[in-house]
Protein backbone atom coordinates (compact mmCIF):
# COMPACT_ATOMS: atom_id res chain seq x y z
CA MET A 1 -0.04 -0.03 -0.08
CA SER A 2 1.24 3.60 -1.05
CA GLY A 3 2.13 5.99 1.84
CA SER A 4 -0.39 8.24 1.07
CA THR A 5 -3.26 5.38 2.36
CA GLN A 6 -1.60 5.12 5.33
CA PRO A 7 -3.36 5.94 8.75
CA GLY A 8 -3.33 9.65 9.67
CA SER A 9 -2.99 10.68 5.51
CA GLY A 10 -6.32 12.11 5.58
CA ALA A 11 -7.29 10.64 2.88
CA THR A 12 -10.26 8.79 3.23
CA VAL A 13 -13.68 8.00 1.54
CA SER A 14 -16.88 6.67 2.97
CA ILE A 15 -17.98 2.92 1.90
CA GLN A 16 -21.07 4.62 1.23
CA ALA A 17 -19.49 6.28 -1.83
CA LEU A 18 -17.77 3.58 -2.96
CA SER A 19 -20.59 2.33 -5.14
CA SER A 20 -20.52 5.14 -7.33
CA ILE A 21 -16.70 4.90 -7.72
CA VAL A 22 -16.11 1.01 -8.26
CA GLN A 23 -19.15 1.14 -11.18
CA ARG A 24 -16.73 3.68 -13.34
CA LEU A 25 -14.11 1.29 -13.26
CA PRO A 26 -13.35 -0.42 -16.61
CA HIS A 27 -15.21 -3.94 -17.39
CA CYS A 28 -17.64 -3.61 -14.04
CA LEU A 29 -20.98 -4.93 -15.71
CA ARG A 30 -20.78 -2.55 -18.50
CA GLY A 31 -24.16 -0.72 -19.55
CA GLN A 32 -25.67 -0.98 -16.33
CA THR A 33 -26.50 1.67 -13.95
CA GLY A 34 -26.83 1.84 -10.04
CA LEU A 35 -25.64 -0.27 -7.47
CA SER A 36 -27.59 -1.79 -4.51
CA ILE A 37 -25.93 -3.75 -1.50
CA ARG A 38 -27.12 -6.82 -1.41
CA TYR A 39 -24.64 -8.36 1.23
CA LEU A 40 -21.64 -6.65 3.78
CA ARG A 41 -19.66 -8.29 6.08
CA ARG A 42 -16.53 -6.84 8.07
CA LYS A 43 -14.98 -9.64 9.94
CA PRO A 44 -11.64 -9.10 12.02
CA GLY A 45 -8.85 -10.10 10.12
CA ARG A 46 -10.55 -11.33 6.94
CA GLY A 47 -11.30 -7.55 5.99
CA LEU A 48 -14.75 -6.16 4.30
CA VAL A 49 -16.90 -7.81 1.39
CA ILE A 50 -19.52 -6.12 -0.03
CA VAL A 51 -21.76 -7.71 -2.63
CA TYR A 52 -23.65 -5.14 -4.82
CA ALA A 53 -26.47 -5.88 -7.03
CA ALA A 54 -26.48 -3.99 -10.67
CA GLY A 55 -29.34 -2.02 -12.03
CA ALA A 56 -31.40 -3.51 -14.64
CA LEU A 57 -30.89 -2.49 -18.02
CA THR A 58 -34.27 -1.90 -19.13
CA ALA A 59 -37.30 -0.66 -16.97
CA GLY A 60 -39.98 -3.80 -16.36
CA SER A 61 -36.74 -6.27 -15.75
CA ALA A 62 -36.48 -9.23 -13.44
CA PRO A 63 -35.79 -7.69 -9.51
CA HIS A 64 -31.86 -7.10 -10.25
CA GLY A 65 -31.05 -8.16 -6.75
CA ARG A 66 -32.33 -11.74 -7.52
CA ASP A 67 -29.96 -12.05 -10.66
CA PRO A 68 -26.45 -13.29 -9.86
CA HIS A 69 -25.25 -12.55 -13.27
CA ARG A 70 -25.88 -8.81 -11.78
CA TRP A 71 -23.59 -9.39 -8.93
CA LEU A 72 -20.69 -7.65 -8.48
CA THR A 73 -18.40 -8.56 -5.28
CA VAL A 74 -16.15 -5.53 -4.02
CA VAL A 75 -12.86 -7.23 -1.09
CA VAL A 76 -11.30 -4.44 0.73
CA ASP A 77 -8.08 -5.62 3.08
CA GLU A 78 -8.03 -5.37 6.06
CA ALA A 79 -5.15 -2.95 6.15
CA ALA A 80 -7.11 -0.30 4.18
CA LEU A 81 -10.27 0.18 6.33
CA VAL A 82 -10.58 2.33 9.66
CA GLY A 83 -14.09 2.09 11.20
CA THR A 84 -16.54 2.89 8.32
CA ARG A 85 -14.02 4.40 5.77
CA LEU A 86 -11.48 3.45 3.21
CA ARG A 87 -7.63 4.87 3.93
CA PHE A 88 -7.75 5.94 0.52
CA SER A 89 -9.20 8.92 -1.25
CA THR A 90 -11.90 9.02 -4.33
CA GLU A 91 -8.80 10.85 -6.48
CA GLN A 92 -6.50 7.53 -5.61
CA LEU A 93 -9.14 5.18 -6.22
CA GLN A 94 -9.76 6.70 -9.62
CA GLN A 95 -6.23 7.43 -10.66
CA ALA A 96 -4.84 3.88 -9.27
CA ARG A 97 -3.85 1.52 -11.75
CA VAL A 98 -6.15 -1.44 -12.31
CA GLU A 99 -4.89 -5.06 -13.50
CA THR A 100 -7.00 -7.90 -14.90
CA ARG A 101 -5.47 -10.80 -13.46
CA ALA A 102 -8.25 -13.26 -14.70
CA PRO A 103 -11.68 -12.68 -16.59
CA GLY A 104 -13.95 -10.88 -14.63
CA ILE A 105 -11.18 -10.08 -11.79
CA LEU A 106 -9.95 -6.83 -11.19
CA THR A 107 -7.16 -6.09 -8.56
CA ILE A 108 -5.60 -2.68 -7.72
CA PRO A 109 -2.92 -3.90 -5.49
CA THR A 110 -2.01 -0.25 -4.39
CA LEU A 111 -5.22 -0.03 -2.51
CA ALA A 112 -5.41 -3.38 -1.26
CA LEU A 113 -9.07 -3.69 -3.21
CA VAL A 114 -10.57 -6.48 -5.69
CA VAL A 115 -13.44 -6.50 -7.49
CA GLN A 116 -14.97 -9.41 -9.06
CA VAL A 117 -18.30 -9.66 -11.59
CA PHE A 118 -20.20 -13.32 -10.44
CA PRO A 119 -19.27 -15.99 -11.13
CA ALA A 120 -15.85 -14.85 -10.84
CA ASP A 121 -14.50 -15.37 -7.63
CA ASN A 122 -10.25 -15.90 -6.98
CA ALA A 123 -11.37 -18.11 -3.77
CA LEU A 124 -14.11 -20.04 -5.86
CA PRO A 125 -11.98 -20.74 -9.01
CA THR A 126 -14.36 -23.51 -10.02
CA LEU A 127 -17.35 -21.88 -9.66
CA ALA A 128 -18.03 -20.42 -13.14
CA THR A 129 -17.66 -24.17 -14.54
CA SER A 130 -20.08 -25.44 -11.82
CA LEU A 131 -22.78 -23.31 -13.80
CA ARG A 132 -21.83 -24.11 -17.16
CA THR A 133 -24.10 -27.15 -17.90
CA ALA A 134 -24.14 -27.70 -21.57
CA HIS A 135 -23.57 -31.28 -23.16
CA GLU A 136 -19.81 -30.58 -23.90
CA GLU A 137 -19.31 -29.39 -20.29
CA PRO A 138 -17.61 -31.44 -17.75
CA LEU A 139 -20.61 -30.87 -15.15
CA PHE A 140 -23.08 -32.40 -17.67
CA ALA A 141 -22.08 -36.42 -17.13
CA GLU A 142 -22.00 -35.63 -13.22
CA LEU A 143 -25.33 -33.98 -13.06
CA GLU A 144 -26.44 -36.95 -15.25
CA ALA A 145 -24.79 -39.82 -13.19
CA ALA A 146 -26.58 -38.06 -9.93
CA ALA A 147 -29.88 -38.06 -11.13
CA ARG A 148 -29.47 -41.83 -12.15
CA THR A 149 -28.31 -42.50 -8.85
CA GLN A 150 -31.45 -40.63 -6.87
CA LEU A 151 -33.62 -42.40 -9.39
CA GLY A 152 -31.96 -45.64 -9.36
CA ASP A 153 -32.25 -46.16 -12.99
CA PRO A 154 -29.37 -45.98 -15.63
CA ASP A 155 -31.64 -45.30 -18.46
CA TRP A 156 -32.38 -41.88 -17.75
CA HIS A 157 -30.74 -38.93 -19.66
CA ILE A 158 -30.73 -35.32 -19.37
CA CYS A 159 -31.94 -33.60 -22.49
CA GLY A 160 -32.15 -30.17 -20.69
CA ALA A 161 -30.36 -28.46 -17.88
CA ARG A 162 -30.43 -25.18 -15.91
CA ALA A 163 -28.03 -23.87 -12.99
CA ASP A 164 -29.57 -21.03 -10.76
CA PRO A 165 -27.42 -19.39 -7.80
CA VAL A 166 -29.39 -19.57 -4.94
CA ARG A 167 -26.85 -18.44 -2.00
CA TYR A 168 -23.73 -17.44 -2.39
CA LYS A 169 -21.00 -16.21 0.18
CA PRO A 170 -18.04 -14.75 -1.66
CA GLY A 171 -14.95 -16.61 -1.24
CA SER A 172 -16.69 -19.49 0.55
CA ARG A 173 -19.53 -21.27 -0.69
CA CYS A 174 -22.24 -21.16 -3.56
CA LEU A 175 -25.25 -23.02 -3.32
CA ILE A 176 -26.69 -23.96 -6.95
CA ARG A 177 -30.32 -25.42 -8.06
CA TYR A 178 -29.76 -27.63 -10.97
CA THR A 179 -33.33 -28.03 -12.54
CA LEU A 180 -32.79 -30.90 -14.68
CA LYS A 181 -35.18 -31.87 -17.96
CA LEU A 182 -34.87 -36.06 -18.07
CA GLU A 183 -35.62 -38.63 -20.76
CA LYS A 184 -35.77 -42.37 -20.65
CA VAL A 185 -36.68 -44.32 -23.84
CA SER A 186 -38.47 -47.78 -23.16
CA GLY A 187 -39.46 -49.32 -26.75
CA GLU A 188 -41.71 -46.73 -28.42
CA ARG A 189 -42.19 -44.96 -25.30
CA VAL A 190 -40.68 -41.90 -23.95
CA ALA A 191 -40.79 -41.20 -20.91
CA ARG A 192 -39.90 -37.58 -19.03
CA GLN A 193 -39.55 -35.69 -15.82
CA GLU A 194 -38.19 -32.80 -14.31
CA LEU A 195 -35.76 -33.34 -11.44
CA SER A 196 -33.94 -31.01 -9.39
CA ILE A 197 -30.64 -31.29 -7.63
CA PHE A 198 -28.48 -28.80 -5.44
CA GLY A 199 -25.15 -28.39 -5.66
CA LYS A 200 -22.49 -26.86 -2.96
CA VAL A 201 -19.26 -25.30 -4.61
CA TYR A 202 -16.69 -24.69 -1.90
CA GLY A 203 -13.22 -22.97 -1.57
CA ASP A 204 -11.82 -25.36 0.97
CA PRO A 205 -11.41 -28.86 -0.53
CA GLU A 206 -10.58 -30.54 2.92
CA LYS A 207 -13.72 -28.73 4.31
CA LEU A 208 -15.64 -30.39 0.92
CA ARG A 209 -14.57 -34.08 2.07
CA ALA A 210 -14.95 -33.70 5.86
CA ILE A 211 -18.76 -32.25 4.96
CA GLN A 212 -19.63 -35.17 1.88
CA ALA A 213 -18.31 -38.23 4.25
CA ALA A 214 -20.14 -37.00 7.52
CA ALA A 215 -23.16 -36.75 5.20
CA GLN A 216 -23.19 -39.79 3.74
CA GLN A 217 -22.40 -41.57 7.09
CA LEU A 218 -25.61 -40.44 8.64
CA TYR A 219 -27.45 -40.99 5.70
CA ALA A 220 -26.39 -44.42 5.34
CA GLN A 221 -26.36 -45.07 9.18
CA GLN A 222 -30.13 -43.77 9.24
CA MET A 223 -31.55 -46.18 6.12
CA GLN A 224 -29.65 -49.04 7.68
CA GLU A 225 -31.91 -48.46 10.98
CA GLY A 226 -34.84 -47.82 8.59
CA SER A 227 -35.55 -44.82 9.80
CA GLN A 228 -36.38 -41.61 7.71
CA PRO A 229 -33.09 -39.36 6.97
CA ILE A 230 -32.53 -36.17 8.76
CA ILE A 231 -30.30 -34.94 5.99
CA PRO A 232 -31.18 -34.90 1.70
CA ARG A 233 -29.41 -37.96 0.34
CA PRO A 234 -25.67 -37.38 -0.71
CA LEU A 235 -25.54 -38.35 -4.21
CA ARG A 236 -22.05 -37.23 -5.95
CA THR A 237 -19.08 -35.54 -4.61
CA VAL A 238 -16.78 -33.72 -7.77
CA GLU A 239 -13.14 -33.11 -6.26
CA THR A 240 -12.04 -31.86 -9.36
CA LEU A 241 -14.88 -29.06 -9.02
CA GLY A 242 -15.17 -28.28 -5.39
CA LEU A 243 -18.67 -29.92 -5.52
CA THR A 244 -21.00 -31.68 -4.29
CA LEU A 245 -24.60 -32.75 -5.45
CA ASN A 246 -27.44 -33.98 -2.77
CA GLN A 247 -30.75 -34.80 -3.30
CA ALA A 248 -33.34 -31.61 -3.43
CA VAL A 249 -35.97 -31.81 -0.67
CA GLU A 250 -39.53 -31.50 -2.93
CA ALA A 251 -42.46 -30.26 -1.70
CA ASN A 252 -44.46 -32.66 -3.18
CA GLU A 253 -42.62 -36.12 -0.97
CA GLY A 254 -45.59 -38.22 0.05
CA ALA A 255 -49.38 -38.29 -0.84
CA ASN A 256 -50.12 -36.50 2.54
CA SER A 257 -47.40 -33.82 2.41
CA LYS A 258 -47.59 -30.20 2.57
CA ALA A 259 -45.46 -27.22 1.04
CA ALA A 260 -41.81 -27.67 1.91
CA ARG A 261 -41.29 -24.33 4.51
CA PRO A 262 -38.24 -22.85 5.54
CA GLY A 263 -37.37 -22.98 9.33
CA LEU A 264 -37.20 -18.91 9.95
CA GLN A 265 -40.55 -18.97 8.65
CA VAL A 266 -42.18 -21.96 10.79
CA LEU A 267 -39.81 -21.29 14.16
CA ARG A 268 -40.79 -17.49 14.62
CA PRO A 269 -43.78 -16.14 16.44
CA HIS A 270 -47.26 -16.60 15.56
CA PHE A 271 -49.90 -15.31 17.47
CA THR A 272 -53.87 -15.00 16.75
CA GLY A 273 -56.07 -12.75 18.31
CA ALA A 274 -58.46 -10.28 17.42
CA VAL A 275 -56.98 -6.70 16.04
CA ASP A 276 -58.99 -4.34 18.25
CA GLY A 277 -56.45 -4.77 21.13
CA GLU A 278 -57.59 -7.71 22.94
CA THR A 279 -54.89 -10.09 23.96
CA LEU A 280 -53.15 -12.21 21.91
CA ASP A 281 -52.71 -16.04 21.77
CA VAL A 282 -49.46 -17.46 21.65
CA ASP A 283 -49.25 -20.05 18.66
CA ILE A 284 -46.57 -22.65 19.52
CA PRO A 285 -45.40 -24.91 16.54
CA GLY A 286 -44.92 -27.79 18.75
CA LYS A 287 -45.10 -30.66 16.09
CA GLU A 288 -42.09 -29.23 14.41
CA LEU A 289 -40.15 -28.05 17.79
CA ARG A 290 -40.61 -31.78 18.82
CA ALA A 291 -39.04 -32.94 15.04
CA THR A 292 -35.90 -30.52 15.41
CA ALA A 293 -35.55 -31.77 19.00
CA ILE A 294 -35.78 -35.35 17.65
CA ALA A 295 -33.59 -34.57 14.70
CA LEU A 296 -30.90 -33.13 16.81
CA ALA A 297 -31.04 -36.19 19.46
CA ARG A 298 -30.58 -38.82 16.30
CA LEU A 299 -27.46 -36.80 15.21
CA HIS A 300 -25.94 -36.51 18.65
CA THR A 301 -27.01 -40.56 19.28
CA SER A 302 -25.03 -41.30 15.57
CA ALA A 303 -22.32 -43.44 15.11
CA VAL A 304 -20.91 -40.93 12.71
CA ARG A 305 -16.66 -40.55 13.08
CA LEU A 306 -15.56 -37.34 12.49
CA GLU A 307 -12.52 -36.23 11.98
CA GLY A 308 -11.01 -32.69 12.76
CA PRO A 309 -10.54 -30.83 16.17
CA LEU A 310 -12.83 -31.17 18.94
CA ARG A 311 -14.70 -27.98 19.63
CA THR A 312 -14.60 -27.21 23.04
CA GLY A 313 -15.74 -24.88 25.43
CA ALA A 314 -12.44 -23.26 25.87
CA LYS A 315 -12.85 -22.33 22.02
CA ALA A 316 -16.64 -21.31 22.49
CA ALA A 317 -15.33 -19.01 25.04
CA LYS A 318 -12.45 -17.29 23.33
CA ARG A 319 -14.69 -16.54 20.62
CA ALA A 320 -17.20 -14.80 23.07
CA ARG A 321 -14.25 -12.41 24.61
CA GLU A 322 -13.20 -11.49 20.99
CA ARG A 323 -16.57 -10.70 20.48
CA ALA A 324 -17.02 -8.87 23.43
CA ALA A 325 -14.15 -6.98 22.72
CA LEU A 326 -15.73 -5.61 19.30
CA ILE A 327 -18.76 -4.72 20.88
CA ALA A 328 -16.62 -2.60 23.54
CA THR A 329 -14.95 -0.88 20.56
CA TYR A 330 -18.54 -0.24 18.78
CA CYS A 331 -20.40 0.69 21.49
CA PRO A 332 -18.22 2.32 24.25
CA VAL A 333 -21.08 2.77 26.91
CA LEU A 334 -21.11 -0.86 27.10
CA ALA A 335 -18.00 -1.81 26.93
CA ASP A 336 -16.92 -2.89 30.61
CA ARG A 337 -20.67 -4.71 31.03
CA ALA A 338 -19.61 -6.72 27.96
CA GLN A 339 -16.09 -7.27 28.72
CA ARG A 340 -17.13 -8.37 32.58
CA LEU A 341 -19.76 -10.66 31.29
CA ALA A 342 -17.63 -12.60 28.85
CA GLN A 343 -15.07 -13.02 31.57
CA GLN A 344 -17.23 -14.67 33.93
CA LEU A 345 -18.55 -16.75 31.11
CA THR A 346 -14.76 -17.77 30.18
CA LYS A 347 -14.71 -19.24 33.94
CA SER A 348 -17.55 -21.02 33.78
CA LEU A 349 -17.54 -22.62 30.06
CA ALA A 350 -13.86 -22.93 29.08
CA PRO A 351 -12.91 -25.82 31.47
CA LEU A 352 -16.22 -27.74 30.77
CA GLN A 353 -15.76 -31.22 29.56
CA PRO A 354 -18.63 -33.41 28.37
CA ASP A 355 -18.33 -36.97 29.40
CA THR A 356 -18.28 -37.65 25.82
CA TYR A 357 -17.69 -35.70 22.74
CA ARG A 358 -20.26 -36.72 20.14
CA PRO A 359 -21.14 -35.69 16.40
CA ALA A 360 -22.50 -32.19 16.56
CA HIS A 361 -24.09 -29.90 13.78
CA GLY A 362 -21.51 -27.22 14.76
CA GLY A 363 -24.32 -24.22 14.01
CA PHE A 364 -27.67 -25.62 14.57
CA LYS A 365 -30.30 -22.82 14.07
CA PRO A 366 -33.66 -22.16 12.29
CA SER A 367 -32.09 -21.21 9.27
CA GLN A 368 -30.59 -24.50 8.67
CA LEU A 369 -34.13 -26.46 8.53
CA LEU A 370 -36.33 -27.27 5.80
CA PHE A 371 -39.97 -28.74 7.30
CA CYS A 372 -42.12 -30.65 4.70
CA GLY A 373 -45.21 -31.55 6.61
CA GLU A 374 -44.30 -32.62 10.06
CA ARG A 375 -40.85 -33.74 8.99
CA VAL A 376 -37.88 -31.66 9.29
CA PHE A 377 -34.47 -31.96 7.11
CA VAL A 378 -31.77 -30.23 8.24
CA VAL A 379 -30.31 -28.75 5.01
CA ASP A 380 -27.00 -27.14 5.88
CA LEU A 381 -24.68 -29.51 7.30
CA ASP A 382 -21.29 -27.21 6.83
CA GLY A 383 -19.36 -27.52 10.16
CA PRO A 384 -19.98 -31.11 11.20
CA CYS A 385 -17.67 -31.84 14.22
CA LEU A 386 -17.09 -33.61 17.56
CA ALA A 387 -18.54 -31.86 20.20
CA ASP A 388 -20.66 -31.37 23.23
CA PRO A 389 -24.07 -31.62 22.57
CA ALA A 390 -24.71 -28.33 24.60
CA LEU A 391 -23.28 -26.73 21.88
CA ASP A 392 -26.20 -27.64 19.47
CA VAL A 393 -28.51 -26.77 21.94
CA GLY A 394 -27.57 -24.04 23.31
CA TYR A 395 -27.12 -22.65 19.65
CA LEU A 396 -30.32 -23.49 18.54
CA LEU A 397 -32.30 -21.76 21.86
CA ALA A 398 -29.83 -18.69 21.37
CA TYR A 399 -31.42 -17.96 17.47
CA LEU A 400 -34.90 -19.27 18.61
CA ARG A 401 -35.19 -15.87 20.61
CA PRO A 402 -37.17 -13.56 18.20
CA ASN A 403 -35.86 -10.35 17.06
CA GLY A 404 -38.63 -8.58 18.88
CA LEU A 405 -37.29 -9.53 22.49
CA TRP A 406 -34.67 -7.15 22.13
CA TYR A 407 -37.55 -4.30 22.01
CA GLY A 408 -39.88 -5.85 24.46
CA ARG A 409 -42.32 -6.49 22.13
CA ALA A 410 -45.79 -7.99 22.81
CA GLY A 411 -45.83 -11.93 23.71
CA MET A 412 -42.28 -12.11 22.88
CA ARG A 413 -40.90 -13.45 26.33
CA ARG A 414 -44.06 -15.89 26.56
CA TRP A 415 -44.00 -17.27 22.79
CA PHE A 416 -39.79 -18.17 23.47
CA VAL A 417 -40.49 -19.31 27.04
CA SER A 418 -42.82 -21.83 25.47
CA ALA A 419 -41.04 -22.61 22.60
CA ALA A 420 -38.12 -23.11 24.60
CA ALA A 421 -39.64 -25.34 26.94
CA LYS A 422 -41.36 -27.39 24.37
CA PHE A 423 -38.04 -28.24 22.57
CA VAL A 424 -35.98 -29.23 25.48
CA SER A 425 -38.73 -31.39 26.72
CA ALA A 426 -38.76 -32.99 23.46
CA TYR A 427 -34.90 -33.49 23.43
CA ARG A 428 -34.65 -34.77 26.95
CA LEU A 429 -37.14 -37.50 25.47
CA ALA A 430 -35.50 -38.47 22.37
CA MET A 431 -32.20 -38.67 24.35
CA CYS A 432 -33.78 -41.02 26.75
CA GLU A 433 -35.13 -42.71 24.25
CA ARG A 434 -32.08 -43.51 22.73
CA GLY A 435 -30.29 -44.72 25.79
CA ILE A 436 -28.86 -41.65 27.29
CA ASP A 437 -29.01 -41.33 31.09
CA GLU A 438 -30.84 -39.03 32.89
CA THR A 439 -27.73 -37.56 34.47
CA THR A 440 -25.98 -37.31 31.01
CA ILE A 441 -28.89 -35.09 29.76
CA GLY A 442 -29.30 -33.05 32.60
CA GLY A 443 -25.73 -32.12 32.23
CA ILE A 444 -26.26 -31.32 28.45
CA LEU A 445 -29.07 -28.88 29.28
CA GLU A 446 -27.25 -27.22 32.13
CA ARG A 447 -23.98 -26.45 29.57
CA ALA A 448 -26.35 -25.23 27.13
CA ARG A 449 -27.14 -22.12 29.39
CA LEU A 450 -23.28 -21.52 28.80
CA TYR A 451 -23.10 -22.23 25.00
CA GLY A 452 -26.16 -20.26 24.96
CA ALA A 453 -24.61 -17.37 26.34
CA ALA A 454 -21.67 -17.34 24.13
CA THR A 455 -23.53 -17.88 20.72
CA LEU A 456 -25.87 -14.54 22.29
CA PHE A 457 -22.70 -12.93 22.00
CA LYS A 458 -22.21 -14.14 18.41
CA ILE A 459 -25.68 -12.57 17.30
CA ALA A 460 -25.02 -9.37 19.07
CA ALA A 461 -21.88 -8.71 17.19
CA ARG A 462 -24.00 -9.16 13.66
CA ARG A 463 -24.70 -5.15 13.69
CA ILE A 464 -21.43 -4.75 13.90
CA HIS A 465 -20.14 -6.92 11.10
CA ARG A 466 -22.57 -5.50 8.87
CA LEU A 467 -21.23 -1.60 9.48
CA ASN A 468 -25.16 -0.93 10.90
CA GLY A 469 -25.42 2.45 13.29
CA PRO A 470 -25.38 1.51 17.02
CA ARG A 471 -28.22 0.66 18.72
CA PRO A 472 -27.27 0.52 22.70
CA ALA A 473 -31.02 -0.38 24.04
CA GLU A 474 -30.80 -3.35 21.55
CA LEU A 475 -27.21 -4.18 22.58
CA ALA A 476 -27.84 -3.80 26.27
CA ALA A 477 -30.95 -5.90 25.93
CA MET A 478 -28.85 -8.63 24.75
CA LEU A 479 -26.02 -8.90 27.18
CA THR A 480 -29.05 -8.56 29.85
CA GLU A 481 -30.18 -11.84 28.09
CA ILE A 482 -26.56 -13.51 28.47
CA GLU A 483 -26.14 -12.70 31.92
CA ALA A 484 -29.85 -14.47 32.60
CA CYS A 485 -28.53 -17.25 30.73
CA MET A 486 -25.32 -17.53 33.09
CA SER A 487 -27.00 -17.05 36.44
CA SER A 488 -30.39 -19.26 36.05
CA SER A 489 -30.32 -23.03 36.01
CA ASP A 490 -34.40 -23.12 35.91
CA ALA A 491 -35.27 -20.65 33.17
CA MET A 492 -32.62 -19.69 30.52
CA VAL A 493 -35.30 -16.86 30.21
CA PRO A 494 -36.33 -14.46 32.77
CA THR A 495 -39.31 -13.08 32.73
CA GLY A 496 -38.82 -9.45 31.96
CA LYS A 497 -40.92 -6.41 33.59
CA HIS A 498 -43.30 -4.11 32.67
CA ASN A 499 -44.90 -0.74 33.88
CA ARG A 500 -48.51 -0.07 33.46
CA ARG A 501 -48.13 1.50 30.33
CA GLY A 502 -46.80 -1.36 28.65
CA ILE A 503 -43.26 -0.19 28.44
CA ALA A 504 -40.52 -2.94 28.73
CA LEU A 505 -37.65 -1.71 30.66
CA GLN A 506 -34.30 -3.18 30.51
CA LEU A 507 -31.79 -1.60 33.20
CA CYS A 508 -28.41 -1.81 32.66
CA PRO A 509 -26.44 -0.59 35.57
CA ASP A 510 -22.98 -0.66 34.44
CA ALA A 511 -23.74 1.59 31.61
CA GLY A 512 -26.10 3.78 33.19
CA ILE A 513 -28.68 3.05 30.11
CA GLU A 514 -32.39 2.72 30.81
CA ALA A 515 -33.70 1.18 27.08
CA ALA A 516 -37.66 1.91 27.02
CA THR A 517 -39.69 0.32 24.20
CA PHE A 518 -43.46 0.74 23.44
CA GLU A 519 -44.83 -3.02 22.87
CA GLY A 520 -45.86 -1.55 19.41
CA SER A 521 -48.95 -2.93 17.60
CA ARG A 522 -50.53 -6.63 17.16
CA HIS A 523 -50.03 -6.39 13.49
CA VAL A 524 -47.27 -8.01 11.66
CA ARG A 525 -43.94 -6.25 13.10
CA ASP A 526 -40.62 -7.38 13.47
CA GLY A 527 -40.73 -10.87 11.86
CA ILE A 528 -44.06 -11.12 14.36
CA VAL A 529 -47.48 -12.43 12.49
CA ALA A 530 -50.72 -11.38 14.02
CA ARG A 531 -53.51 -13.51 12.83
CA PRO A 532 -57.25 -12.60 13.41
CA ARG A 533 -58.84 -15.22 15.98
CA SER A 534 -62.08 -16.44 14.49
CA ARG A 535 -65.25 -15.61 16.41
CA SER A 536 -68.24 -17.59 16.44
CA ASN A 537 -71.38 -15.83 16.22
């Protein structure tokens, strides 16, 4: 980096202004105007990553944010960042020498900045190839083999294929849905059908092998047991492309199945009640929570052999301290409280050892789940590990807390307490039915409080990673919840106090902050769905 870009030079540009400058660089989505931010993350040691969606060429085009071929990624090295600004000026960016080291990838070495036009990605060099489905492409034969495996019939042939990126994490992975049109000739008859397969491209080949090996073991074991697998069927691994191919969970499995529903839609607050001010009734997804608990218990008691380091309490405590330090920098008024809680958590969590390290998901939360009727699938198994089962239990309970909880929304605490109780009860029973004794189960649930507190530090750091403005009241509410997790063995969710006007009070004595938030209306707000209750005449 040149001397003029070093700290203290005074030559800085805001991240907000970056889009207007970047779109003037050569070869950046020519002919398209306007860049809107689709994804933004800044993490210590990893720098800043922004994914922009370019505007459509003509009016009436499809929403540009959904078209990956209009995505443009900007990666800025950590050394080029100072807060929410970049250590160079607009003039430096406009005058810097731009290098094209690969198609679709522009680099500005002197400013530690890289611009990539999707699907070009330095860390995912096979992504573009994994999106090409023509007959002459290497992917074609792999897709055909995967389809034959799923259908159990070698006579099916692909007569058309389409690849649609579904979810993209720059430099890490990309989820792709392949839609295949298939034909099978039998005498004079030609059978046709359409089949979907999900593929995922990884940047780390070792991670690819570990994930697919774990998935294959788990699926095979559950098939041998005669039970319904909790994960989609692994079909094929294409190591040359860094690609896994898996069954797509379809909505029409079984005659009585319902449409597939994502976990974020199912495991969130729903209320039934009148819209005229009457008290809302809590609607708890009990069957889905039970299915989730059983799926997790089946994973924790499986015989899957996993390699790699253990996920220990000490590691979780270390990450919590790092996140507390980030919160302290981001919101100084809460610095002492955040760091004190992290130190207390470390003393309790770091020395913990379970009786047995078991197969674990490593990031078990509602967004990883897909419900088909009352059946649940774990659709993302990106971090399988040997860990204390309390890690997954605490993780799920932390993410089960609705966002409205941080603002004192009406019914949020009541919904979470009820939902958490149903999940914990179902998990306890499922583990017991699989031969785990009550003492061991009780230990898992007790330690889950501490892992939940560590996960709440992660949730609290989300706004920082996204460079959102500080919200001390929201952070204070999260720290209160962390403190409750560490101090309460009976209920991981203490009941909040309310005054007569329906204002939720979170007192933060260390910071001298009192967060007061009106509980708001009883309609749709912050992910809450309030449905009118039917009345009898």
